[in-house]
Amino acid sequence: MSDKPAAGNQQPPVRIGPSVPEIYVDGYQGVSFKDGVVKLNLYSLQLDPASNATYKDIVCRATMSTNTLLNIHAALGGLIKDLQAANAIAGTPPAT
């Protein structure tokens, strides 16, 4: 990261470190909110071969400010509109 502060509204460049994990999620299970912080539990479906039961394993807890949540919401809304315009998705995905 540069030692120079970002000028005006210019955002700093994005870098992805070599150790950043890529985590697949099937959905979210529970949200909490306290003191301006939102915590969103993300899960992946896992099959237990011993019992043949499927479980929602929490694989990540995304924790962010309400401002960040609103920014992500706006970005995802734009992405969904773009994907719909490209006929990559239709309608709204079902709730999980």
Protein backbone atom coordinates (compact mmCIF):
# COMPACT_ATOMS: atom_id res chain seq x y z
CA MET A 1 0.00 0.00 0.00
CA SER A 2 1.22 3.47 -0.77
CA ASP A 3 2.30 5.85 1.97
CA LYS A 4 0.46 8.65 0.19
CA PRO A 5 -3.11 9.42 1.30
CA ALA A 6 -5.85 9.21 -1.32
CA ALA A 7 -6.58 12.65 -2.77
CA GLY A 8 -10.15 13.92 -2.53
CA ASN A 9 -12.70 11.21 -3.30
CA GLN A 10 -10.16 9.06 -5.14
CA GLN A 11 -10.10 5.52 -3.79
CA PRO A 12 -6.82 3.72 -3.20
CA PRO A 13 -5.93 0.93 -5.66
CA VAL A 14 -7.06 -2.61 -4.83
CA ARG A 15 -4.59 -5.41 -4.21
CA ILE A 16 -5.45 -9.05 -3.50
CA GLY A 17 -2.90 -10.77 -1.32
CA PRO A 18 -1.70 -14.29 -2.10
CA SER A 19 -3.21 -15.72 1.09
CA VAL A 20 -6.77 -14.39 0.68
CA PRO A 21 -9.08 -17.41 0.86
CA GLU A 22 -11.89 -17.96 -1.61
CA ILE A 23 -14.90 -19.23 0.33
CA TYR A 24 -17.95 -20.72 -1.39
CA VAL A 25 -21.26 -20.10 0.39
CA ASP A 26 -24.72 -21.54 -0.21
CA GLY A 27 -26.51 -18.86 1.78
CA TYR A 28 -26.72 -16.92 5.01
CA GLN A 29 -27.99 -18.04 8.38
CA GLY A 30 -28.69 -15.25 10.77
CA VAL A 31 -27.75 -11.62 11.03
CA SER A 32 -26.99 -9.63 14.15
CA PHE A 33 -26.72 -5.89 14.63
CA LYS A 34 -25.28 -3.96 17.55
CA ASP A 35 -23.63 -0.56 17.92
CA GLY A 36 -23.57 0.10 14.18
CA VAL A 37 -21.97 -3.25 13.33
CA VAL A 38 -23.70 -5.92 11.23
CA LYS A 39 -22.62 -9.57 11.46
CA LEU A 40 -23.79 -11.91 8.72
CA ASN A 41 -23.25 -15.67 9.11
CA LEU A 42 -22.57 -17.38 5.77
CA TYR A 43 -22.94 -21.13 5.40
CA SER A 44 -22.05 -23.99 3.10
CA LEU A 45 -24.16 -27.14 2.92
CA GLN A 46 -22.24 -30.19 4.11
CA LEU A 47 -23.24 -33.83 3.95
CA ASP A 48 -22.41 -36.02 6.94
CA PRO A 49 -21.74 -39.42 5.34
CA ALA A 50 -22.22 -41.26 8.64
CA SER A 51 -25.80 -40.05 9.15
CA ASN A 52 -26.59 -39.00 5.55
CA ALA A 53 -27.81 -35.70 7.02
CA THR A 54 -27.12 -32.31 5.49
CA TYR A 55 -25.95 -29.48 7.75
CA LYS A 56 -25.45 -25.76 7.32
CA ASP A 57 -21.84 -25.24 8.37
CA ILE A 58 -21.00 -21.60 9.08
CA VAL A 59 -17.88 -21.00 6.98
CA CYS A 60 -17.55 -17.24 7.37
CA ARG A 61 -18.90 -14.38 9.46
CA ALA A 62 -18.85 -11.14 7.50
CA THR A 63 -18.69 -8.24 9.94
CA MET A 64 -19.10 -4.68 8.70
CA SER A 65 -20.40 -1.21 9.45
CA THR A 66 -23.88 -0.24 8.32
CA ASN A 67 -22.32 2.10 5.72
CA THR A 68 -20.36 -0.80 4.25
CA LEU A 69 -23.51 -2.94 4.22
CA LEU A 70 -25.33 -0.23 2.26
CA ASN A 71 -22.43 0.06 -0.21
CA ILE A 72 -22.40 -3.71 -0.76
CA HIS A 73 -26.19 -3.72 -1.18
CA ALA A 74 -25.96 -1.02 -3.86
CA ALA A 75 -23.11 -2.83 -5.65
CA LEU A 76 -24.95 -6.18 -5.64
CA GLY A 77 -28.13 -4.49 -6.86
CA GLY A 78 -26.19 -3.07 -9.80
CA LEU A 79 -24.59 -6.43 -10.51
CA ILE A 80 -27.98 -8.17 -10.50
CA LYS A 81 -29.38 -5.61 -12.96
CA ASP A 82 -26.38 -6.10 -15.25
CA LEU A 83 -26.71 -9.90 -15.11
CA GLN A 84 -30.45 -9.67 -15.83
CA ALA A 85 -29.79 -7.33 -18.77
CA ALA A 86 -27.30 -9.87 -20.14
CA ASN A 87 -29.87 -12.69 -19.62
CA ALA A 88 -27.38 -14.42 -17.33
CA ILE A 89 -30.02 -14.64 -14.60
CA ALA A 90 -33.79 -14.30 -14.59
CA GLY A 91 -35.84 -12.78 -11.81
CA THR A 92 -34.94 -13.00 -8.18
CA PRO A 93 -33.18 -16.06 -6.77
CA PRO A 94 -35.16 -18.10 -4.24
CA ALA A 95 -34.61 -17.48 -0.54
CA THR A 96 -32.28 -19.93 1.18
